[in-house]
Amino acid sequence: MLCPRCNVELATLGVSRGRANGCERCHGLWLDEAAAQALLDEGADALAARAKATRPDHDEERTLRCPACSRPMDKGELHYVQLDQCIGHGTWFDAGELEFVARNVVSMRARQAAEAALSPGERYARNSEV
């Protein structure tokens, strides 16, 4: 399987379910749906630990091809990050994108936990302030 950015062979990564591959050159990640769900199940901290923070220079507007079927991938969005997706095969995360998604997931879960800890009266007062 070749990297859709660099056209070099992707390395297989160890995940509990599904298929995950990473590019050693651009640090992008290819995750099928099962691998993405497995990483989400591990928790956002584990997700962030696996992600690379570097951002290579590349053309964001270029349409990438699916490493599994070679068809052009669609643009999608996950937690405010624009991603390249092939329905039925997986999602391409450029370097840094998985970490950004993970941070957004951590933030969202913290807000949800804080909201859940409020009493109904506190929730009403909070919502009335807006």
N, C-alpha and C. Protein backbone atom coordinates (compact mmCIF):
# COMPACT_ATOMS: atom_id res chain seq x y z
N MET A 1 0.85 -1.16 0.00
CA MET A 1 0.00 0.00 0.00
C MET A 1 0.90 1.23 0.00
N LEU A 2 0.61 2.19 -0.90
CA LEU A 2 1.45 3.37 -1.05
C LEU A 2 0.84 4.60 -0.40
N CYS A 3 1.71 5.46 0.11
CA CYS A 3 1.28 6.73 0.71
C CYS A 3 0.64 7.60 -0.38
N PRO A 4 -0.56 8.14 -0.11
CA PRO A 4 -1.19 9.00 -1.10
C PRO A 4 -0.50 10.35 -1.27
N ARG A 5 0.35 10.75 -0.34
CA ARG A 5 1.11 12.00 -0.45
C ARG A 5 2.47 11.78 -1.11
N CYS A 6 3.22 10.78 -0.63
CA CYS A 6 4.61 10.59 -1.04
C CYS A 6 4.83 9.49 -2.06
N ASN A 7 3.85 8.62 -2.20
CA ASN A 7 3.95 7.49 -3.11
C ASN A 7 5.04 6.50 -2.70
N VAL A 8 5.30 6.40 -1.38
CA VAL A 8 6.24 5.41 -0.86
C VAL A 8 5.44 4.36 -0.10
N GLU A 9 6.02 3.22 0.12
CA GLU A 9 5.34 2.12 0.82
C GLU A 9 5.00 2.53 2.25
N LEU A 10 3.76 2.26 2.66
CA LEU A 10 3.32 2.54 4.02
C LEU A 10 3.71 1.39 4.94
N ALA A 11 4.14 1.72 6.14
CA ALA A 11 4.48 0.71 7.14
C ALA A 11 3.21 0.29 7.88
N THR A 12 3.13 -0.98 8.22
CA THR A 12 1.99 -1.49 8.99
C THR A 12 2.19 -1.13 10.46
N LEU A 13 1.13 -0.62 11.08
CA LEU A 13 1.17 -0.23 12.48
C LEU A 13 0.33 -1.18 13.31
N GLY A 14 0.72 -1.41 14.53
CA GLY A 14 -0.01 -2.31 15.41
C GLY A 14 -1.21 -1.62 16.05
N VAL A 15 -2.38 -2.12 15.76
CA VAL A 15 -3.61 -1.66 16.41
C VAL A 15 -4.39 -2.90 16.82
N SER A 16 -5.28 -2.74 17.79
CA SER A 16 -6.01 -3.89 18.30
C SER A 16 -7.03 -4.43 17.30
N ARG A 17 -7.56 -3.56 16.44
CA ARG A 17 -8.52 -3.99 15.41
C ARG A 17 -8.25 -3.22 14.12
N GLY A 18 -8.61 -3.83 13.02
CA GLY A 18 -8.53 -3.13 11.75
C GLY A 18 -7.13 -3.01 11.20
N ARG A 19 -7.01 -2.08 10.24
CA ARG A 19 -5.73 -1.89 9.55
C ARG A 19 -5.29 -0.44 9.70
N ALA A 20 -4.03 -0.26 10.10
CA ALA A 20 -3.44 1.06 10.22
C ALA A 20 -2.07 1.03 9.57
N ASN A 21 -1.81 2.06 8.79
CA ASN A 21 -0.53 2.17 8.10
C ASN A 21 -0.01 3.59 8.24
N GLY A 22 1.31 3.74 8.33
CA GLY A 22 1.90 5.06 8.47
C GLY A 22 3.01 5.27 7.48
N CYS A 23 3.19 6.53 7.11
CA CYS A 23 4.27 6.90 6.19
C CYS A 23 5.45 7.43 7.00
N GLU A 24 6.60 6.83 6.79
CA GLU A 24 7.79 7.25 7.52
C GLU A 24 8.35 8.56 6.98
N ARG A 25 7.96 8.94 5.78
CA ARG A 25 8.45 10.18 5.18
C ARG A 25 7.63 11.39 5.63
N CYS A 26 6.32 11.36 5.40
CA CYS A 26 5.47 12.52 5.71
C CYS A 26 4.74 12.39 7.04
N HIS A 27 4.82 11.22 7.68
CA HIS A 27 4.19 10.92 8.97
C HIS A 27 2.66 10.92 8.91
N GLY A 28 2.09 10.74 7.71
CA GLY A 28 0.64 10.60 7.58
C GLY A 28 0.22 9.21 8.05
N LEU A 29 -1.08 9.07 8.34
CA LEU A 29 -1.62 7.80 8.81
C LEU A 29 -2.84 7.42 8.00
N TRP A 30 -2.92 6.14 7.63
CA TRP A 30 -4.09 5.58 6.96
C TRP A 30 -4.76 4.65 7.95
N LEU A 31 -6.03 4.92 8.26
CA LEU A 31 -6.78 4.08 9.19
C LEU A 31 -8.06 3.62 8.53
N ASP A 32 -8.32 2.30 8.58
CA ASP A 32 -9.64 1.86 8.13
C ASP A 32 -10.61 2.14 9.28
N GLU A 33 -11.90 1.93 9.03
CA GLU A 33 -12.90 2.28 10.04
C GLU A 33 -12.69 1.53 11.35
N ALA A 34 -12.33 0.26 11.28
CA ALA A 34 -12.13 -0.53 12.50
C ALA A 34 -10.93 -0.02 13.29
N ALA A 35 -9.84 0.35 12.61
CA ALA A 35 -8.66 0.87 13.30
C ALA A 35 -8.96 2.23 13.94
N ALA A 36 -9.69 3.08 13.22
CA ALA A 36 -10.06 4.38 13.77
C ALA A 36 -10.91 4.20 15.03
N GLN A 37 -11.86 3.28 14.98
CA GLN A 37 -12.71 3.03 16.15
C GLN A 37 -11.90 2.44 17.30
N ALA A 38 -10.96 1.55 16.98
CA ALA A 38 -10.11 0.97 18.02
C ALA A 38 -9.30 2.06 18.72
N LEU A 39 -8.76 3.01 17.96
CA LEU A 39 -8.00 4.10 18.57
C LEU A 39 -8.90 4.98 19.42
N LEU A 40 -10.10 5.26 18.94
CA LEU A 40 -11.03 6.05 19.74
C LEU A 40 -11.41 5.32 21.02
N ASP A 41 -11.57 4.00 20.94
CA ASP A 41 -11.90 3.20 22.12
C ASP A 41 -10.76 3.22 23.14
N GLU A 42 -9.52 3.32 22.66
CA GLU A 42 -8.36 3.38 23.56
C GLU A 42 -8.37 4.67 24.36
N GLY A 43 -9.03 5.67 23.82
CA GLY A 43 -9.09 6.97 24.49
C GLY A 43 -8.28 8.00 23.76
N ALA A 44 -8.66 9.24 23.95
CA ALA A 44 -8.03 10.34 23.22
C ALA A 44 -6.56 10.51 23.61
N ASP A 45 -6.18 10.19 24.85
CA ASP A 45 -4.78 10.32 25.24
C ASP A 45 -3.91 9.34 24.47
N ALA A 46 -4.38 8.11 24.31
CA ALA A 46 -3.64 7.13 23.52
C ALA A 46 -3.58 7.55 22.06
N LEU A 47 -4.67 8.13 21.58
CA LEU A 47 -4.74 8.63 20.21
C LEU A 47 -3.68 9.70 19.99
N ALA A 48 -3.60 10.65 20.90
CA ALA A 48 -2.64 11.74 20.78
C ALA A 48 -1.20 11.22 20.87
N ALA A 49 -0.98 10.20 21.70
CA ALA A 49 0.36 9.66 21.86
C ALA A 49 0.86 9.01 20.58
N ARG A 50 -0.05 8.48 19.76
CA ARG A 50 0.36 7.83 18.52
C ARG A 50 0.58 8.82 17.37
N ALA A 51 0.05 10.02 17.53
CA ALA A 51 0.09 10.99 16.44
C ALA A 51 1.41 11.75 16.44
N LYS A 52 1.84 12.16 15.27
CA LYS A 52 3.03 12.98 15.11
C LYS A 52 2.61 14.44 15.04
N ALA A 53 3.38 15.30 15.65
CA ALA A 53 3.02 16.72 15.68
C ALA A 53 3.59 17.49 14.48
N THR A 54 4.45 16.89 13.70
CA THR A 54 5.06 17.62 12.59
C THR A 54 4.07 17.81 11.44
N ARG A 55 4.22 18.90 10.71
CA ARG A 55 3.37 19.19 9.56
C ARG A 55 4.29 19.40 8.36
N PRO A 56 4.32 18.46 7.42
CA PRO A 56 5.16 18.65 6.25
C PRO A 56 4.53 19.67 5.30
N ASP A 57 5.35 20.20 4.40
CA ASP A 57 4.83 21.08 3.36
C ASP A 57 4.23 20.22 2.27
N HIS A 58 2.97 20.46 1.95
CA HIS A 58 2.33 19.77 0.84
C HIS A 58 1.10 20.54 0.40
N ASP A 59 0.59 20.18 -0.73
CA ASP A 59 -0.56 20.86 -1.31
C ASP A 59 -1.83 20.32 -0.68
N GLU A 60 -2.47 21.10 0.19
CA GLU A 60 -3.70 20.68 0.87
C GLU A 60 -4.86 20.49 -0.10
N GLU A 61 -4.82 21.20 -1.22
CA GLU A 61 -5.95 21.17 -2.16
C GLU A 61 -5.88 19.99 -3.12
N ARG A 62 -4.75 19.35 -3.23
CA ARG A 62 -4.60 18.23 -4.15
C ARG A 62 -5.51 17.08 -3.74
N THR A 63 -6.20 16.50 -4.71
CA THR A 63 -7.05 15.35 -4.43
C THR A 63 -6.16 14.12 -4.30
N LEU A 64 -6.26 13.46 -3.16
CA LEU A 64 -5.46 12.26 -2.92
C LEU A 64 -6.22 11.03 -3.38
N ARG A 65 -5.48 9.98 -3.69
CA ARG A 65 -6.07 8.71 -4.10
C ARG A 65 -6.01 7.73 -2.94
N CYS A 66 -7.05 6.94 -2.82
CA CYS A 66 -7.14 5.93 -1.77
C CYS A 66 -6.00 4.92 -1.92
N PRO A 67 -5.25 4.65 -0.83
CA PRO A 67 -4.19 3.65 -0.91
C PRO A 67 -4.72 2.23 -1.16
N ALA A 68 -6.00 1.98 -0.85
CA ALA A 68 -6.58 0.65 -1.01
C ALA A 68 -7.11 0.40 -2.42
N CYS A 69 -7.79 1.42 -3.01
CA CYS A 69 -8.44 1.19 -4.32
C CYS A 69 -8.00 2.15 -5.41
N SER A 70 -7.19 3.14 -5.07
CA SER A 70 -6.66 4.13 -6.01
C SER A 70 -7.68 5.13 -6.55
N ARG A 71 -8.91 5.09 -6.07
CA ARG A 71 -9.90 6.09 -6.50
C ARG A 71 -9.64 7.41 -5.76
N PRO A 72 -10.05 8.54 -6.37
CA PRO A 72 -9.91 9.82 -5.66
C PRO A 72 -10.72 9.80 -4.35
N MET A 73 -10.11 10.31 -3.30
CA MET A 73 -10.80 10.35 -2.00
C MET A 73 -11.63 11.62 -1.90
N ASP A 74 -12.67 11.55 -1.08
CA ASP A 74 -13.53 12.70 -0.81
C ASP A 74 -12.95 13.48 0.37
N LYS A 75 -13.24 14.78 0.39
CA LYS A 75 -12.87 15.60 1.53
C LYS A 75 -13.97 15.47 2.58
N GLY A 76 -13.59 15.31 3.81
CA GLY A 76 -14.54 15.22 4.90
C GLY A 76 -14.01 16.02 6.08
N GLU A 77 -14.79 16.12 7.12
CA GLU A 77 -14.37 16.86 8.30
C GLU A 77 -14.68 16.06 9.56
N LEU A 78 -13.74 16.06 10.47
CA LEU A 78 -13.91 15.39 11.75
C LEU A 78 -13.34 16.31 12.83
N HIS A 79 -14.17 16.76 13.74
CA HIS A 79 -13.73 17.65 14.82
C HIS A 79 -12.90 18.82 14.29
N TYR A 80 -13.45 19.49 13.28
CA TYR A 80 -12.87 20.70 12.70
C TYR A 80 -11.58 20.47 11.91
N VAL A 81 -11.32 19.24 11.52
CA VAL A 81 -10.14 18.92 10.72
C VAL A 81 -10.61 18.38 9.38
N GLN A 82 -10.10 18.96 8.29
CA GLN A 82 -10.45 18.46 6.96
C GLN A 82 -9.58 17.24 6.66
N LEU A 83 -10.25 16.14 6.33
CA LEU A 83 -9.57 14.87 6.09
C LEU A 83 -9.91 14.35 4.70
N ASP A 84 -9.12 13.40 4.24
CA ASP A 84 -9.38 12.71 2.97
C ASP A 84 -9.92 11.33 3.32
N GLN A 85 -11.09 11.00 2.72
CA GLN A 85 -11.76 9.75 3.08
C GLN A 85 -12.17 8.98 1.83
N CYS A 86 -12.09 7.67 1.94
CA CYS A 86 -12.63 6.77 0.93
C CYS A 86 -13.69 5.93 1.64
N ILE A 87 -14.93 6.12 1.23
CA ILE A 87 -16.02 5.38 1.86
C ILE A 87 -15.77 3.88 1.67
N GLY A 88 -15.81 3.16 2.76
CA GLY A 88 -15.61 1.72 2.71
C GLY A 88 -14.17 1.28 2.90
N HIS A 89 -13.21 2.21 2.76
CA HIS A 89 -11.81 1.81 2.92
C HIS A 89 -11.12 2.48 4.10
N GLY A 90 -11.30 3.78 4.26
CA GLY A 90 -10.65 4.42 5.41
C GLY A 90 -10.45 5.91 5.25
N THR A 91 -9.62 6.44 6.15
CA THR A 91 -9.37 7.87 6.23
C THR A 91 -7.88 8.13 6.30
N TRP A 92 -7.43 9.15 5.56
CA TRP A 92 -6.04 9.58 5.58
C TRP A 92 -5.91 10.78 6.51
N PHE A 93 -5.01 10.68 7.48
CA PHE A 93 -4.69 11.77 8.39
C PHE A 93 -3.29 12.26 8.05
N ASP A 94 -3.18 13.50 7.58
CA ASP A 94 -1.85 14.08 7.38
C ASP A 94 -1.21 14.26 8.74
N ALA A 95 0.11 14.44 8.75
CA ALA A 95 0.83 14.62 10.01
C ALA A 95 0.20 15.74 10.82
N GLY A 96 -0.03 15.48 12.09
CA GLY A 96 -0.59 16.47 12.99
C GLY A 96 -2.11 16.45 13.07
N GLU A 97 -2.78 15.93 12.04
CA GLU A 97 -4.24 15.96 12.04
C GLU A 97 -4.85 15.03 13.09
N LEU A 98 -4.29 13.85 13.26
CA LEU A 98 -4.82 12.92 14.26
C LEU A 98 -4.64 13.50 15.66
N GLU A 99 -3.52 14.15 15.91
CA GLU A 99 -3.28 14.78 17.20
C GLU A 99 -4.30 15.90 17.44
N PHE A 100 -4.58 16.70 16.41
CA PHE A 100 -5.56 17.78 16.54
C PHE A 100 -6.95 17.22 16.83
N VAL A 101 -7.33 16.15 16.12
CA VAL A 101 -8.62 15.50 16.38
C VAL A 101 -8.65 14.99 17.81
N ALA A 102 -7.56 14.36 18.25
CA ALA A 102 -7.51 13.81 19.60
C ALA A 102 -7.68 14.90 20.65
N ARG A 103 -7.02 16.03 20.45
CA ARG A 103 -7.16 17.15 21.40
C ARG A 103 -8.59 17.66 21.43
N ASN A 104 -9.22 17.73 20.26
CA ASN A 104 -10.62 18.17 20.20
C ASN A 104 -11.54 17.18 20.90
N VAL A 105 -11.24 15.89 20.77
CA VAL A 105 -12.04 14.87 21.45
C VAL A 105 -11.88 15.00 22.96
N VAL A 106 -10.65 15.20 23.44
CA VAL A 106 -10.40 15.37 24.87
C VAL A 106 -11.17 16.58 25.39
N SER A 107 -11.10 17.69 24.67
CA SER A 107 -11.80 18.91 25.06
C SER A 107 -13.32 18.70 25.10
N MET A 108 -13.86 18.05 24.06
CA MET A 108 -15.29 17.80 23.98
C MET A 108 -15.74 16.92 25.15
N ARG A 109 -14.98 15.86 25.43
CA ARG A 109 -15.35 14.96 26.53
C ARG A 109 -15.27 15.66 27.88
N ALA A 110 -14.31 16.56 28.06
CA ALA A 110 -14.20 17.31 29.31
C ALA A 110 -15.41 18.23 29.48
N ARG A 111 -15.82 18.90 28.39
CA ARG A 111 -17.01 19.76 28.46
C ARG A 111 -18.26 18.94 28.78
N GLN A 112 -18.38 17.77 28.15
CA GLN A 112 -19.53 16.91 28.41
C GLN A 112 -19.54 16.42 29.85
N ALA A 113 -18.39 16.07 30.39
CA ALA A 113 -18.31 15.60 31.77
C ALA A 113 -18.65 16.74 32.74
N ALA A 114 -18.16 17.94 32.45
CA ALA A 114 -18.46 19.09 33.30
C ALA A 114 -19.96 19.39 33.26
N GLU A 115 -20.55 19.32 32.09
CA GLU A 115 -21.99 19.57 31.94
C GLU A 115 -22.80 18.50 32.68
N ALA A 116 -22.37 17.25 32.59
CA ALA A 116 -23.08 16.16 33.25
C ALA A 116 -23.00 16.27 34.77
N ALA A 117 -21.94 16.91 35.29
CA ALA A 117 -21.76 17.03 36.73
C ALA A 117 -22.63 18.14 37.34
N LEU A 118 -23.16 19.02 36.48
CA LEU A 118 -24.00 20.10 36.99
C LEU A 118 -25.38 19.59 37.39
N SER A 119 -25.94 20.22 38.39
CA SER A 119 -27.31 19.89 38.76
C SER A 119 -28.25 20.51 37.72
N PRO A 120 -29.50 20.04 37.63
CA PRO A 120 -30.43 20.63 36.67
C PRO A 120 -30.58 22.14 36.84
N GLY A 121 -30.58 22.62 38.09
CA GLY A 121 -30.69 24.07 38.33
C GLY A 121 -29.47 24.82 37.82
N GLU A 122 -28.28 24.24 38.04
CA GLU A 122 -27.05 24.88 37.54
C GLU A 122 -27.02 24.90 36.02
N ARG A 123 -27.48 23.81 35.39
CA ARG A 123 -27.55 23.76 33.93
C ARG A 123 -28.48 24.83 33.39
N TYR A 124 -29.64 24.99 34.04
CA TYR A 124 -30.62 25.98 33.60
C TYR A 124 -30.03 27.39 33.74
N ALA A 125 -29.38 27.67 34.87
CA ALA A 125 -28.79 28.98 35.10
C ALA A 125 -27.69 29.26 34.09
N ARG A 126 -26.89 28.25 33.81
CA ARG A 126 -25.80 28.40 32.84
C ARG A 126 -26.35 28.72 31.45
N ASN A 127 -27.37 28.01 31.05
CA ASN A 127 -27.97 28.21 29.72
C ASN A 127 -28.72 29.54 29.65
N SER A 128 -29.24 30.03 30.76
CA SER A 128 -29.97 31.30 30.78
C SER A 128 -29.05 32.50 30.68
N GLU A 129 -27.78 32.32 31.01
CA GLU A 129 -26.81 33.42 30.96
C GLU A 129 -26.51 33.87 29.54
N VAL A 130 -26.72 33.02 28.59
CA VAL A 130 -26.38 33.32 27.20
C VAL A 130 -27.29 34.27 26.60
